[in-house]
């Protein structure tokens, strides 16, 4: 019986390396969000609810007078909590607290301090959050993404050179992750005696990160 001779070609093993590339763009925020609260306390829930509503209405009207659109003012929280005193080791009900919070979107960053001062003068007594953001992050992110990929290629090239191997610069796989962090400010307890509230927006870092797999 005749058995034909089988010819086998050696299969080259595929070797791969994975690197992480990072890119950053520094950008100026172009709008802000401020959470403003009216907190009222008392023994009777209905009474402090009415008081809170009157004050918050006055606050909102004052912000509308600054040409802030109605759609840029949104109620984000409304809570009623019991408050207690501790007398002789016992918890005794003192009354209640009503917390009414609105989030205000401010298109003109230079107006943030004025918005806060105006709200305080009209009865608001707590600012729980200020965040500076970018309206359209796509342009900045794409630039950061380009830098991240360039960084990844540079790292892979350096590694291949050190190992004295030939790198295939066309990636086998690219995985991206996006990170854009708003600029937060700590909560501030404010009083109507505060005349000027200086707020500096600073800058924001738009970051991109990619994990890139190459073969060699």
N, C-alpha and C. Protein backbone atom coordinates (compact mmCIF):
# COMPACT_ATOMS: atom_id res chain seq x y z
N UNK A 1 0.87 -1.20 0.00
CA UNK A 1 0.00 0.00 0.00
C UNK A 1 0.90 1.23 0.00
N UNK A 2 0.48 2.21 -0.80
CA UNK A 2 1.28 3.44 -0.93
C UNK A 2 0.73 4.51 0.00
N UNK A 3 1.63 5.06 0.74
CA UNK A 3 1.24 6.18 1.63
C UNK A 3 1.94 7.44 1.17
N UNK A 4 1.19 8.40 0.68
CA UNK A 4 1.84 9.64 0.23
C UNK A 4 2.53 10.34 1.39
N UNK A 5 3.62 10.94 1.11
CA UNK A 5 4.38 11.64 2.15
C UNK A 5 3.73 12.98 2.46
N UNK A 6 3.45 13.20 3.74
CA UNK A 6 2.81 14.44 4.17
C UNK A 6 3.88 15.49 4.46
N UNK A 7 3.64 16.66 3.92
CA UNK A 7 4.59 17.76 4.11
C UNK A 7 3.98 18.76 5.10
N UNK A 8 4.67 19.04 6.18
CA UNK A 8 4.18 19.99 7.19
C UNK A 8 5.04 21.24 7.18
N UNK A 9 4.37 22.37 7.17
CA UNK A 9 5.08 23.64 7.26
C UNK A 9 5.01 24.12 8.71
N UNK A 10 6.10 24.51 9.27
CA UNK A 10 6.05 25.01 10.65
C UNK A 10 5.21 26.28 10.74
N UNK A 11 4.40 26.34 11.74
CA UNK A 11 3.54 27.52 11.96
C UNK A 11 4.24 28.47 12.92
N UNK A 12 4.45 29.68 12.44
CA UNK A 12 5.12 30.67 13.29
C UNK A 12 4.19 31.07 14.43
N UNK A 13 4.69 31.09 15.61
CA UNK A 13 3.89 31.48 16.77
C UNK A 13 3.70 32.99 16.76
N UNK A 14 2.50 33.40 17.13
CA UNK A 14 2.18 34.83 17.19
C UNK A 14 2.49 35.34 18.59
N UNK A 15 3.34 36.31 18.65
CA UNK A 15 3.71 36.90 19.93
C UNK A 15 3.09 38.29 20.04
N UNK A 16 2.58 38.61 21.19
CA UNK A 16 1.87 39.87 21.37
C UNK A 16 2.34 40.59 22.63
N UNK A 17 2.21 41.90 22.60
CA UNK A 17 2.44 42.70 23.80
C UNK A 17 1.34 43.76 23.90
N UNK A 18 1.00 44.08 25.12
CA UNK A 18 -0.08 45.05 25.36
C UNK A 18 0.47 46.21 26.18
N UNK A 19 0.16 47.41 25.75
CA UNK A 19 0.62 48.60 26.47
C UNK A 19 -0.58 49.51 26.72
N UNK A 20 -0.40 50.39 27.68
CA UNK A 20 -1.42 51.40 27.97
C UNK A 20 -0.90 52.77 27.58
N UNK A 21 -1.70 53.49 26.81
CA UNK A 21 -1.34 54.85 26.41
C UNK A 21 -2.26 55.86 27.06
N UNK A 22 -1.71 56.99 27.45
CA UNK A 22 -2.51 58.03 28.10
C UNK A 22 -2.32 59.37 27.40
N UNK A 23 -3.40 60.12 27.31
CA UNK A 23 -3.34 61.45 26.72
C UNK A 23 -4.18 62.42 27.51
N UNK A 24 -3.76 63.67 27.59
CA UNK A 24 -4.49 64.69 28.35
C UNK A 24 -4.57 65.99 27.58
N UNK A 25 -5.70 66.66 27.73
CA UNK A 25 -5.89 68.00 27.19
C UNK A 25 -6.38 68.89 28.34
N UNK A 26 -5.77 70.04 28.51
CA UNK A 26 -6.21 71.01 29.52
C UNK A 26 -7.19 71.96 28.87
N UNK A 27 -8.38 72.06 29.44
CA UNK A 27 -9.43 72.89 28.85
C UNK A 27 -10.06 73.80 29.89
N UNK A 28 -10.64 74.88 29.40
CA UNK A 28 -11.36 75.80 30.27
C UNK A 28 -12.83 75.38 30.33
N UNK A 29 -13.40 75.22 31.52
CA UNK A 29 -14.83 74.91 31.61
C UNK A 29 -15.65 76.06 31.06
N UNK A 30 -16.81 75.73 30.50
CA UNK A 30 -17.64 76.79 29.91
C UNK A 30 -19.03 76.91 30.53
N UNK A 31 -19.32 76.11 31.56
CA UNK A 31 -20.54 76.36 32.33
C UNK A 31 -20.39 75.74 33.72
N UNK A 32 -21.28 76.14 34.59
CA UNK A 32 -21.22 75.66 35.97
C UNK A 32 -22.58 75.20 36.43
N UNK A 33 -22.59 74.31 37.41
CA UNK A 33 -23.82 73.90 38.09
C UNK A 33 -23.65 74.15 39.59
N UNK A 34 -24.64 74.79 40.17
CA UNK A 34 -24.61 75.11 41.59
C UNK A 34 -25.87 74.56 42.25
N UNK A 35 -25.70 73.85 43.34
CA UNK A 35 -26.85 73.38 44.10
C UNK A 35 -27.06 74.30 45.30
N UNK A 36 -28.21 74.92 45.33
CA UNK A 36 -28.54 75.91 46.35
C UNK A 36 -29.70 75.37 47.18
N UNK A 37 -29.59 75.52 48.50
CA UNK A 37 -30.61 74.96 49.38
C UNK A 37 -31.21 76.02 50.32
N UNK A 38 -32.45 75.78 50.63
CA UNK A 38 -33.12 76.53 51.69
C UNK A 38 -33.46 75.51 52.77
N UNK A 39 -32.94 75.74 53.98
CA UNK A 39 -33.20 74.85 55.11
C UNK A 39 -33.92 75.63 56.20
N UNK A 40 -35.06 75.12 56.60
CA UNK A 40 -35.83 75.78 57.66
C UNK A 40 -36.11 74.77 58.78
N UNK A 41 -36.14 75.26 60.01
CA UNK A 41 -36.36 74.41 61.17
C UNK A 41 -37.47 74.98 62.03
N UNK A 42 -38.16 74.10 62.73
CA UNK A 42 -39.21 74.53 63.65
C UNK A 42 -39.92 73.33 64.24
N UNK A 43 -40.90 73.62 65.09
CA UNK A 43 -41.62 72.55 65.77
C UNK A 43 -42.78 72.00 64.94
N UNK A 44 -43.34 72.84 64.09
CA UNK A 44 -44.51 72.43 63.31
C UNK A 44 -44.11 72.23 61.84
N UNK A 45 -44.37 71.02 61.33
CA UNK A 45 -43.95 70.71 59.96
C UNK A 45 -44.62 71.61 58.93
N UNK A 46 -45.91 71.79 59.04
CA UNK A 46 -46.65 72.59 58.06
C UNK A 46 -46.14 74.03 58.03
N UNK A 47 -45.86 74.57 59.20
CA UNK A 47 -45.38 75.95 59.28
C UNK A 47 -44.04 76.12 58.58
N UNK A 48 -43.09 75.22 58.86
CA UNK A 48 -41.77 75.38 58.25
C UNK A 48 -41.79 74.99 56.77
N UNK A 49 -42.74 74.17 56.35
CA UNK A 49 -42.89 73.89 54.92
C UNK A 49 -43.34 75.14 54.18
N UNK A 50 -44.32 75.84 54.76
CA UNK A 50 -44.79 77.07 54.13
C UNK A 50 -43.69 78.12 54.10
N UNK A 51 -42.97 78.23 55.22
CA UNK A 51 -41.86 79.19 55.28
C UNK A 51 -40.80 78.86 54.23
N UNK A 52 -40.49 77.59 54.11
CA UNK A 52 -39.49 77.16 53.14
C UNK A 52 -39.94 77.48 51.72
N UNK A 53 -41.21 77.22 51.42
CA UNK A 53 -41.73 77.46 50.07
C UNK A 53 -41.68 78.93 49.71
N UNK A 54 -42.02 79.80 50.67
CA UNK A 54 -41.97 81.24 50.41
C UNK A 54 -40.55 81.70 50.11
N UNK A 55 -39.60 81.21 50.90
CA UNK A 55 -38.20 81.62 50.71
C UNK A 55 -37.67 81.09 49.38
N UNK A 56 -37.95 79.82 49.07
CA UNK A 56 -37.44 79.25 47.82
C UNK A 56 -38.03 79.95 46.61
N UNK A 57 -39.31 80.30 46.69
CA UNK A 57 -39.93 81.04 45.59
C UNK A 57 -39.23 82.38 45.39
N UNK A 58 -38.89 83.04 46.49
CA UNK A 58 -38.18 84.32 46.40
C UNK A 58 -36.78 84.13 45.80
N UNK A 59 -36.11 83.04 46.19
CA UNK A 59 -34.78 82.74 45.64
C UNK A 59 -34.87 82.52 44.13
N UNK A 60 -35.82 81.70 43.70
CA UNK A 60 -35.95 81.39 42.27
C UNK A 60 -36.29 82.65 41.48
N UNK A 61 -37.19 83.45 42.00
CA UNK A 61 -37.55 84.71 41.31
C UNK A 61 -36.34 85.62 41.16
N UNK A 62 -35.49 85.66 42.19
CA UNK A 62 -34.31 86.52 42.12
C UNK A 62 -33.31 86.01 41.08
N UNK A 63 -33.23 84.68 40.93
CA UNK A 63 -32.34 84.11 39.92
C UNK A 63 -32.88 84.34 38.51
N UNK A 64 -34.19 84.24 38.37
CA UNK A 64 -34.81 84.53 37.07
C UNK A 64 -34.56 85.98 36.68
N UNK A 65 -34.50 86.87 37.68
CA UNK A 65 -34.21 88.29 37.41
C UNK A 65 -32.79 88.49 36.89
N UNK A 66 -31.91 87.49 37.09
CA UNK A 66 -30.55 87.54 36.54
C UNK A 66 -30.48 86.98 35.13
N UNK A 67 -31.66 86.77 34.54
CA UNK A 67 -31.79 86.23 33.17
C UNK A 67 -31.35 84.77 33.07
N UNK A 68 -31.48 84.05 34.16
CA UNK A 68 -31.26 82.60 34.11
C UNK A 68 -32.57 81.95 33.68
N UNK A 69 -32.56 81.17 32.59
CA UNK A 69 -33.81 80.58 32.09
C UNK A 69 -34.45 79.63 33.11
N UNK A 70 -35.76 79.54 33.04
CA UNK A 70 -36.49 78.67 33.95
C UNK A 70 -36.02 77.22 33.83
N UNK A 71 -35.71 76.78 32.58
CA UNK A 71 -35.29 75.40 32.37
C UNK A 71 -33.91 75.10 32.94
N UNK A 72 -33.18 76.16 33.33
CA UNK A 72 -31.86 75.97 33.94
C UNK A 72 -31.93 75.88 35.46
N UNK A 73 -33.16 75.94 36.01
CA UNK A 73 -33.37 75.83 37.45
C UNK A 73 -34.24 74.60 37.71
N UNK A 74 -33.71 73.64 38.43
CA UNK A 74 -34.42 72.38 38.64
C UNK A 74 -34.37 71.96 40.10
N UNK A 75 -35.52 71.56 40.63
CA UNK A 75 -35.56 71.02 41.99
C UNK A 75 -34.90 69.64 41.99
N UNK A 76 -33.93 69.45 42.86
CA UNK A 76 -33.20 68.18 42.90
C UNK A 76 -33.39 67.41 44.21
N UNK A 77 -33.90 68.05 45.23
CA UNK A 77 -34.12 67.33 46.49
C UNK A 77 -35.13 68.09 47.35
N UNK A 78 -35.96 67.33 48.05
CA UNK A 78 -36.89 67.91 49.02
C UNK A 78 -37.04 66.89 50.14
N UNK A 79 -36.56 67.24 51.33
CA UNK A 79 -36.55 66.30 52.44
C UNK A 79 -37.06 66.95 53.72
N UNK A 80 -37.68 66.11 54.55
CA UNK A 80 -38.12 66.54 55.88
C UNK A 80 -37.53 65.57 56.90
N UNK A 81 -36.79 66.12 57.87
CA UNK A 81 -36.13 65.30 58.87
C UNK A 81 -36.57 65.73 60.27
N UNK A 82 -36.74 64.76 61.16
CA UNK A 82 -36.92 65.13 62.58
C UNK A 82 -35.58 65.54 63.17
N UNK A 83 -35.60 66.48 64.10
CA UNK A 83 -34.38 66.88 64.80
C UNK A 83 -34.55 66.59 66.28
N UNK A 84 -33.43 66.25 66.92
CA UNK A 84 -33.50 65.78 68.31
C UNK A 84 -32.50 66.51 69.19
N UNK A 85 -32.83 66.59 70.46
CA UNK A 85 -31.90 66.99 71.51
C UNK A 85 -31.65 65.77 72.40
N UNK A 86 -30.50 65.76 73.05
CA UNK A 86 -30.20 64.69 74.00
C UNK A 86 -30.19 65.29 75.41
N UNK A 87 -31.17 64.91 76.19
CA UNK A 87 -31.33 65.42 77.54
C UNK A 87 -31.26 64.27 78.53
N UNK A 88 -30.30 64.35 79.44
CA UNK A 88 -30.10 63.30 80.45
C UNK A 88 -29.97 61.92 79.80
N UNK A 89 -29.26 61.89 78.67
CA UNK A 89 -29.03 60.63 78.00
C UNK A 89 -30.19 60.13 77.17
N UNK A 90 -31.25 60.94 77.10
CA UNK A 90 -32.43 60.53 76.32
C UNK A 90 -32.56 61.37 75.07
N UNK A 91 -33.06 60.76 74.00
CA UNK A 91 -33.29 61.45 72.74
C UNK A 91 -34.69 62.06 72.78
N UNK A 92 -34.73 63.41 72.70
CA UNK A 92 -36.00 64.12 72.79
C UNK A 92 -36.24 64.88 71.48
N UNK A 93 -37.40 64.70 70.91
CA UNK A 93 -37.75 65.36 69.66
C UNK A 93 -37.78 66.88 69.86
N UNK A 94 -36.94 67.59 69.07
CA UNK A 94 -36.92 69.04 69.14
C UNK A 94 -37.85 69.68 68.12
N UNK A 95 -37.96 69.06 66.96
CA UNK A 95 -38.77 69.62 65.89
C UNK A 95 -38.42 68.96 64.57
N UNK A 96 -38.45 69.76 63.52
CA UNK A 96 -38.23 69.21 62.18
C UNK A 96 -37.39 70.18 61.35
N UNK A 97 -36.77 69.64 60.32
CA UNK A 97 -36.03 70.45 59.36
C UNK A 97 -36.49 70.10 57.95
N UNK A 98 -36.78 71.13 57.17
CA UNK A 98 -37.14 70.96 55.77
C UNK A 98 -35.97 71.43 54.91
N UNK A 99 -35.53 70.57 54.01
CA UNK A 99 -34.44 70.90 53.09
C UNK A 99 -34.98 70.88 51.67
N UNK A 100 -34.85 72.01 51.01
CA UNK A 100 -35.33 72.16 49.63
C UNK A 100 -34.14 72.60 48.78
N UNK A 101 -33.75 71.77 47.80
CA UNK A 101 -32.55 72.05 47.01
C UNK A 101 -32.89 72.21 45.54
N UNK A 102 -32.27 73.19 44.92
CA UNK A 102 -32.39 73.38 43.47
C UNK A 102 -30.98 73.35 42.85
N UNK A 103 -30.90 72.87 41.63
CA UNK A 103 -29.65 72.92 40.88
C UNK A 103 -29.80 73.97 39.79
N UNK A 104 -28.84 74.88 39.74
CA UNK A 104 -28.89 75.99 38.78
C UNK A 104 -27.74 75.82 37.79
N UNK A 105 -28.08 75.77 36.52
CA UNK A 105 -27.08 75.70 35.47
C UNK A 105 -26.76 77.13 35.02
N UNK A 106 -25.49 77.49 35.08
CA UNK A 106 -25.06 78.87 34.79
C UNK A 106 -24.18 78.86 33.56
N UNK A 107 -24.68 79.41 32.48
CA UNK A 107 -23.94 79.41 31.21
C UNK A 107 -22.76 80.36 31.25
N UNK A 108 -22.91 81.47 31.97
CA UNK A 108 -21.83 82.45 32.10
C UNK A 108 -21.09 82.19 33.40
N UNK A 109 -19.89 81.61 33.31
CA UNK A 109 -19.14 81.25 34.51
C UNK A 109 -18.85 82.46 35.38
N UNK A 110 -18.65 83.62 34.77
CA UNK A 110 -18.38 84.83 35.53
C UNK A 110 -19.55 85.25 36.41
N UNK A 111 -20.69 84.62 36.23
CA UNK A 111 -21.89 84.98 36.98
C UNK A 111 -22.10 84.09 38.21
N UNK A 112 -21.23 83.10 38.41
CA UNK A 112 -21.43 82.15 39.50
C UNK A 112 -21.49 82.85 40.86
N UNK A 113 -20.52 83.71 41.13
CA UNK A 113 -20.50 84.42 42.41
C UNK A 113 -21.75 85.26 42.61
N UNK A 114 -22.20 85.92 41.55
CA UNK A 114 -23.41 86.74 41.63
C UNK A 114 -24.64 85.90 41.92
N UNK A 115 -24.71 84.73 41.28
CA UNK A 115 -25.84 83.82 41.52
C UNK A 115 -25.89 83.41 42.99
N UNK A 116 -24.74 83.03 43.53
CA UNK A 116 -24.69 82.61 44.93
C UNK A 116 -25.08 83.76 45.86
N UNK A 117 -24.47 84.93 45.63
CA UNK A 117 -24.77 86.09 46.49
C UNK A 117 -26.24 86.46 46.43
N UNK A 118 -26.82 86.43 45.22
CA UNK A 118 -28.23 86.78 45.06
C UNK A 118 -29.13 85.80 45.80
N UNK A 119 -28.81 84.51 45.68
CA UNK A 119 -29.61 83.50 46.37
C UNK A 119 -29.54 83.67 47.88
N UNK A 120 -28.35 83.96 48.38
CA UNK A 120 -28.18 84.12 49.83
C UNK A 120 -28.93 85.35 50.33
N UNK A 121 -28.84 86.43 49.59
CA UNK A 121 -29.54 87.65 50.00
C UNK A 121 -31.05 87.43 50.06
N UNK A 122 -31.54 86.46 49.29
CA UNK A 122 -32.98 86.23 49.24
C UNK A 122 -33.43 85.04 50.09
N UNK A 123 -32.52 84.54 50.94
CA UNK A 123 -32.94 83.56 51.93
C UNK A 123 -32.32 82.19 51.85
N UNK A 124 -31.61 81.85 50.78
CA UNK A 124 -30.93 80.56 50.72
C UNK A 124 -29.83 80.54 51.79
N UNK A 125 -29.58 79.38 52.37
CA UNK A 125 -28.60 79.33 53.46
C UNK A 125 -27.60 78.18 53.35
N UNK A 126 -27.56 77.51 52.20
CA UNK A 126 -26.57 76.44 52.03
C UNK A 126 -26.31 76.21 50.55
N UNK A 127 -25.02 76.08 50.22
CA UNK A 127 -24.62 75.68 48.87
C UNK A 127 -23.91 74.35 49.02
N UNK A 128 -24.48 73.28 48.50
CA UNK A 128 -23.96 71.94 48.74
C UNK A 128 -23.01 71.46 47.65
N UNK A 129 -23.01 72.10 46.48
CA UNK A 129 -22.11 71.64 45.42
C UNK A 129 -21.97 72.70 44.34
N UNK A 130 -20.74 72.87 43.88
CA UNK A 130 -20.47 73.68 42.70
C UNK A 130 -19.59 72.84 41.79
N UNK A 131 -20.01 72.67 40.55
CA UNK A 131 -19.22 71.91 39.59
C UNK A 131 -19.05 72.71 38.31
N UNK A 132 -17.82 72.73 37.81
CA UNK A 132 -17.53 73.35 36.53
C UNK A 132 -17.38 72.25 35.49
N UNK A 133 -18.01 72.46 34.33
CA UNK A 133 -18.05 71.42 33.32
C UNK A 133 -17.81 72.02 31.92
N UNK A 134 -17.65 71.10 30.97
CA UNK A 134 -17.49 71.49 29.57
C UNK A 134 -18.74 71.05 28.82
N UNK A 135 -19.30 71.95 28.04
CA UNK A 135 -20.53 71.66 27.32
C UNK A 135 -20.32 70.56 26.28
N UNK A 136 -19.31 70.71 25.44
CA UNK A 136 -19.03 69.74 24.37
C UNK A 136 -17.62 69.20 24.57
N UNK A 137 -17.53 68.01 25.12
CA UNK A 137 -16.22 67.44 25.42
C UNK A 137 -15.62 66.66 24.27
N UNK A 138 -16.40 66.44 23.20
CA UNK A 138 -15.94 65.56 22.13
C UNK A 138 -14.66 66.04 21.47
N UNK A 139 -14.58 67.35 21.20
CA UNK A 139 -13.40 67.88 20.53
C UNK A 139 -12.16 67.66 21.38
N UNK A 140 -12.26 67.96 22.66
CA UNK A 140 -11.11 67.79 23.55
C UNK A 140 -10.77 66.32 23.74
N UNK A 141 -11.81 65.49 23.84
CA UNK A 141 -11.55 64.07 24.06
C UNK A 141 -10.85 63.43 22.87
N UNK A 142 -11.25 63.80 21.68
CA UNK A 142 -10.62 63.22 20.49
C UNK A 142 -9.14 63.61 20.41
N UNK A 143 -8.84 64.83 20.81
CA UNK A 143 -7.42 65.22 20.84
C UNK A 143 -6.66 64.40 21.87
N UNK A 144 -7.26 64.23 23.05
CA UNK A 144 -6.62 63.43 24.09
C UNK A 144 -6.47 61.98 23.63
N UNK A 145 -7.45 61.49 22.88
CA UNK A 145 -7.40 60.12 22.38
C UNK A 145 -6.25 59.94 21.40
N UNK A 146 -6.03 60.95 20.55
CA UNK A 146 -4.89 60.90 19.62
C UNK A 146 -3.58 60.82 20.38
N UNK A 147 -3.46 61.65 21.41
CA UNK A 147 -2.23 61.64 22.21
C UNK A 147 -2.05 60.30 22.92
N UNK A 148 -3.16 59.70 23.36
CA UNK A 148 -3.08 58.41 24.06
C UNK A 148 -2.58 57.32 23.12
N UNK A 149 -3.07 57.33 21.89
CA UNK A 149 -2.63 56.31 20.93
C UNK A 149 -1.17 56.51 20.54
N UNK A 150 -0.77 57.76 20.36
CA UNK A 150 0.64 58.05 20.07
C UNK A 150 1.52 57.58 21.22
N UNK A 151 1.05 57.79 22.45
CA UNK A 151 1.80 57.35 23.62
C UNK A 151 1.93 55.83 23.64
N UNK A 152 0.85 55.14 23.28
CA UNK A 152 0.89 53.67 23.27
C UNK A 152 1.85 53.15 22.21
N UNK A 153 1.82 53.73 21.03
CA UNK A 153 2.73 53.31 19.96
C UNK A 153 4.18 53.55 20.38
N UNK A 154 4.42 54.70 21.00
CA UNK A 154 5.78 55.02 21.45
C UNK A 154 6.28 54.02 22.49
N UNK A 155 5.42 53.65 23.42
CA UNK A 155 5.82 52.67 24.43
C UNK A 155 6.11 51.31 23.82
N UNK A 156 5.22 50.87 22.91
CA UNK A 156 5.41 49.57 22.28
C UNK A 156 6.68 49.55 21.44
N UNK A 157 6.94 50.64 20.73
CA UNK A 157 8.15 50.72 19.91
C UNK A 157 9.40 50.64 20.77
N UNK A 158 9.39 51.34 21.90
CA UNK A 158 10.54 51.31 22.80
C UNK A 158 10.77 49.91 23.36
N UNK A 159 9.67 49.25 23.71
CA UNK A 159 9.81 47.89 24.25
C UNK A 159 10.34 46.93 23.20
N UNK A 160 9.82 47.05 21.96
CA UNK A 160 10.29 46.17 20.89
C UNK A 160 11.76 46.40 20.59
N UNK A 161 12.18 47.66 20.63
CA UNK A 161 13.58 47.97 20.38
C UNK A 161 14.47 47.36 21.46
N UNK A 162 14.02 47.42 22.68
CA UNK A 162 14.80 46.84 23.78
C UNK A 162 14.91 45.32 23.64
N UNK A 163 13.82 44.69 23.18
CA UNK A 163 13.82 43.24 23.01
C UNK A 163 14.45 42.80 21.68
N UNK A 164 14.76 43.80 20.82
CA UNK A 164 15.35 43.53 19.52
C UNK A 164 14.45 42.63 18.66
N UNK A 165 13.20 43.03 18.61
CA UNK A 165 12.23 42.34 17.76
C UNK A 165 11.58 43.36 16.84
N UNK A 166 10.95 42.86 15.79
CA UNK A 166 10.28 43.74 14.83
C UNK A 166 8.81 43.87 15.21
N UNK A 167 8.41 45.08 15.49
CA UNK A 167 7.03 45.34 15.91
C UNK A 167 6.15 45.61 14.70
N UNK A 168 4.98 44.98 14.68
CA UNK A 168 3.97 45.30 13.67
C UNK A 168 3.15 46.48 14.21
N UNK A 169 3.35 47.63 13.60
CA UNK A 169 2.76 48.85 14.16
C UNK A 169 1.25 48.94 13.99
N UNK A 170 0.67 48.08 13.15
CA UNK A 170 -0.79 48.05 13.06
C UNK A 170 -1.32 47.27 14.26
N UNK A 171 -2.06 47.93 15.16
CA UNK A 171 -2.50 47.25 16.38
C UNK A 171 -3.41 46.06 16.10
N UNK A 172 -3.31 45.08 16.95
CA UNK A 172 -4.21 43.93 16.89
C UNK A 172 -5.55 44.28 17.54
N UNK A 173 -5.48 45.09 18.60
CA UNK A 173 -6.69 45.45 19.35
C UNK A 173 -6.47 46.78 20.05
N UNK A 174 -7.53 47.61 20.09
CA UNK A 174 -7.49 48.89 20.81
C UNK A 174 -8.74 48.97 21.68
N UNK A 175 -8.53 49.22 22.97
CA UNK A 175 -9.64 49.41 23.90
C UNK A 175 -9.48 50.78 24.54
N UNK A 176 -10.53 51.58 24.47
CA UNK A 176 -10.43 52.94 25.01
C UNK A 176 -11.31 53.12 26.24
N UNK A 177 -10.85 54.03 27.09
CA UNK A 177 -11.61 54.43 28.26
C UNK A 177 -11.54 55.94 28.37
N UNK A 178 -12.66 56.53 28.77
CA UNK A 178 -12.74 57.99 28.84
C UNK A 178 -12.90 58.44 30.28
N UNK A 179 -12.17 59.49 30.64
CA UNK A 179 -12.28 60.06 31.99
C UNK A 179 -12.31 61.57 31.88
N UNK A 180 -13.44 62.16 32.25
CA UNK A 180 -13.58 63.63 32.27
C UNK A 180 -14.19 63.98 33.61
N UNK A 181 -13.42 64.56 34.47
CA UNK A 181 -13.89 64.85 35.83
C UNK A 181 -14.28 66.31 35.97
N UNK A 182 -15.50 66.59 36.48
CA UNK A 182 -15.85 67.98 36.77
C UNK A 182 -15.02 68.51 37.92
N UNK A 183 -14.96 69.81 38.04
CA UNK A 183 -14.21 70.43 39.13
C UNK A 183 -15.18 70.68 40.28
N UNK A 184 -15.07 69.92 41.37
CA UNK A 184 -16.00 70.08 42.48
C UNK A 184 -15.49 71.09 43.52
N UNK A 185 -16.41 71.74 44.18
CA UNK A 185 -16.08 72.59 45.33
C UNK A 185 -16.76 71.99 46.55
N UNK A 186 -16.15 72.18 47.70
CA UNK A 186 -16.74 71.67 48.93
C UNK A 186 -18.03 72.43 49.25
N UNK A 187 -18.89 71.77 50.03
CA UNK A 187 -20.11 72.42 50.47
C UNK A 187 -19.77 73.64 51.30
N UNK A 188 -20.59 74.68 51.16
CA UNK A 188 -20.32 75.92 51.88
C UNK A 188 -21.56 76.33 52.66
N UNK A 189 -21.38 76.64 53.91
CA UNK A 189 -22.46 77.20 54.72
C UNK A 189 -22.32 78.71 54.62
N UNK A 190 -23.34 79.36 54.07
CA UNK A 190 -23.25 80.78 53.78
C UNK A 190 -24.28 81.55 54.60
N UNK A 191 -24.02 82.84 54.76
CA UNK A 191 -24.96 83.68 55.49
C UNK A 191 -25.28 84.90 54.65
N UNK A 192 -26.35 85.58 55.00
CA UNK A 192 -26.78 86.74 54.24
C UNK A 192 -25.81 87.90 54.40
N UNK A 193 -24.89 87.82 55.38
CA UNK A 193 -23.92 88.90 55.59
C UNK A 193 -22.75 88.81 54.61
N UNK A 194 -22.67 87.67 53.90
CA UNK A 194 -21.56 87.51 52.97
C UNK A 194 -21.84 88.36 51.74
N UNK A 195 -20.94 89.28 51.44
CA UNK A 195 -21.18 90.24 50.37
C UNK A 195 -20.65 89.73 49.03
N UNK A 196 -19.45 89.21 49.01
CA UNK A 196 -18.83 88.77 47.76
C UNK A 196 -18.42 87.31 47.90
N UNK A 197 -18.74 86.54 46.90
CA UNK A 197 -18.33 85.14 46.88
C UNK A 197 -17.43 84.92 45.67
N UNK A 198 -16.11 85.01 45.85
CA UNK A 198 -15.21 84.81 44.71
C UNK A 198 -15.13 83.33 44.36
N UNK A 199 -15.37 83.01 43.10
CA UNK A 199 -15.31 81.63 42.63
C UNK A 199 -14.38 81.58 41.42
N UNK A 200 -13.34 80.77 41.52
CA UNK A 200 -12.39 80.62 40.42
C UNK A 200 -12.57 79.25 39.78
N UNK A 201 -12.93 79.19 38.50
CA UNK A 201 -13.20 77.90 37.86
C UNK A 201 -11.97 77.06 37.59
N UNK A 202 -10.80 77.70 37.43
CA UNK A 202 -9.60 76.94 37.13
C UNK A 202 -9.70 76.28 35.76
N UNK A 203 -9.04 75.14 35.62
CA UNK A 203 -9.07 74.40 34.36
C UNK A 203 -9.49 72.95 34.61
N UNK A 204 -9.86 72.28 33.53
CA UNK A 204 -10.25 70.88 33.60
C UNK A 204 -9.30 70.05 32.76
N UNK A 205 -9.07 68.84 33.19
CA UNK A 205 -8.25 67.90 32.43
C UNK A 205 -9.15 66.86 31.77
N UNK A 206 -9.12 66.85 30.45
CA UNK A 206 -9.84 65.82 29.70
C UNK A 206 -8.84 64.73 29.38
N UNK A 207 -9.08 63.55 29.89
CA UNK A 207 -8.12 62.46 29.77
C UNK A 207 -8.68 61.33 28.92
N UNK A 208 -7.79 60.68 28.20
CA UNK A 208 -8.15 59.48 27.45
C UNK A 208 -7.11 58.41 27.73
N UNK A 209 -7.56 57.18 27.83
CA UNK A 209 -6.67 56.07 28.09
C UNK A 209 -7.01 54.94 27.13
N UNK A 210 -6.01 54.35 26.52
CA UNK A 210 -6.22 53.24 25.61
C UNK A 210 -5.30 52.08 25.97
N UNK A 211 -5.83 50.89 25.85
CA UNK A 211 -5.01 49.68 25.95
C UNK A 211 -4.87 49.10 24.56
N UNK A 212 -3.63 48.99 24.11
CA UNK A 212 -3.37 48.61 22.72
C UNK A 212 -2.54 47.34 22.68
N UNK A 213 -2.98 46.39 21.86
CA UNK A 213 -2.26 45.13 21.71
C UNK A 213 -1.58 45.10 20.34
N UNK A 214 -0.28 44.81 20.35
CA UNK A 214 0.51 44.71 19.12
C UNK A 214 1.04 43.28 18.99
N UNK A 215 1.36 42.94 17.75
CA UNK A 215 2.03 41.66 17.52
C UNK A 215 3.47 41.94 17.07
N UNK A 216 4.33 40.96 17.27
CA UNK A 216 5.71 41.11 16.83
C UNK A 216 6.27 39.74 16.47
